[in-house]
Amino acid sequence: MNKTVDATAINDRAQHFLKVLIERYIRDGQPVGSRTLAKDAGLDLSPATIRNVMSDLEELGFVVSPHTSAGRVPTASGYRLFVDSLISLKPLQDTEVSRVKNQLGLDIDPRKALASASKLVSDLTHMAGVVSIPRRDQVVVRQIEFVPLSDKRVLVVLVTGQGEVSNRVIETGREYSRTELEQAANFINQHYAGKELEALRAQLVREMGEDRASMDQLMAQALEMASAALSKDEGDDSDFMVAGQTNLMDFDELAQMDKLRLLFNAFTEKQEILHLLDRCTAADGVQIFIGGESGYRTLEECSVITAPYTVDDQVVGVLGVIGPTRMAYDRVIPIVDVTARLLGAALKSR
C-alpha cells in the first residue's frame, strides 16, 4: 500500500547520518547543519566528509536545503526510508498501557469506547485521533427481537456481535401477536444469527424470492419482517470519529490558515479520510502514509498512521493518528498499534 524506499541505495554511514538528522529535526523542528550533525552522529569525520554525505543524500532526494538555511531537513522519501529501515520504536510504558486499557474498559456502549479510543490516541500524541465506525454491512448479527406495537407496527431490536443495540420500527401488513413475533424471532435467530449483515440481507432476499408454496407461514412472515428490519437506510454509510483536530494548530508546519482550513474541511466533509481509512481496513497491520502517499492534496503535509482493530479475528475498523510529517514516528506507531489492539479486546469483551 505504501511507497517503499530501498535502503541499499545508500551506504551504512549515510543511513546513520540520515537517521541522526531526522531524529534531530523531529525533536527541534529546525534545519540540521553539518556541525550539529557531526556532534550528534558521534563519528570522527571531517566537515568536508559530512558535507559530501549530505550532498549525496540531497541528490538522492532524502533531504533538502530550505532557502533560508544551510542546514537540511528530511523529505517524504527520507521519512519513508527512516520508517521502513532505520527507526527504533519506543514501546509504551506499562502505565500508559494500563491507562488505555482502563479507559476503554469503562465504556459499556461500543460507540463510547470508539470515541474514547480516538481521544486517547489524540491525548497521547497531541495530534488528531481518528477511528472508523464499523460499517453496518460488516456487522455480525447476534440476535433479533420483534416487539408488537399499535397500528400494525413492530419494534425490531437488533443486537450485533460487538454488543451494540439498535432499534427500528417497521410497518407490517397485519397485526401480529406477541407469540407470533417471538416464534418469528426464534426462527431468524436459529437459522441466521452469526452472519454479517450484508450476507444476511442477500440471503433473505434470495430465499424470499423462492417458491413461497414451499415455505410454511411462520417462515414466510419471519423472512418478510427480518428483510424489512435489515433493509438499508438512505445514506447508510460508514463513518468515523475524530478527536483533537485543534491540536494541529500547534504545529508550525500546519498553522497557516489556508492549510488548517483545508484540513478541517476534510474532517467535516469526511469523504477523503473515509476512503483512506477504508483502504487501511483492507490492508494488513500498521499502515503509514507520509505526505503525498495518501493521494490527497489536503494531506500532502501530513502523515497518517493507522492500525486495524479486530473482533473475533475479523477486522471491523481502523484507528489512527493524523499529524505533521515531522512527528515522533518511533513513539506514535506503538501508541496506535497498542491502542487498536486494546480497543478490539474491549469491544470483544462486550
Foldseek 3Di string as FASTA:
>chain_A
DFDADDPVVDDPVLLLLLLQQLVVCLVPVDFDDLVNSCVSSVDPDDSVVSVVSVVVCVVVQQWDDDPVDPGIYGDLNVLRCCVVPPFAADADDPVLLVVLLVQLLVDPALVVSQQSLQASLCVVFLFKKKKWFFAQQQWFWAFWAWDFDPDQKIKIWTATLLRHIDIDIDHDPDGDDNVLRRLLRVVCNVPPGGDGLNVSLVVLVVVLPPDCVPPDPSPNVSSVVVNRVSDDDVVRGIAMDMPNNVSQCVDPVQVDPVLSVLVVVCNVVVPLVVVLFVVQLPDAAKDKAAACSSVDPSQNQKMKIKGFADAPPHGRTIMIGIHGNSGPCSHSNNSRRSSSDSSNVSSNVD
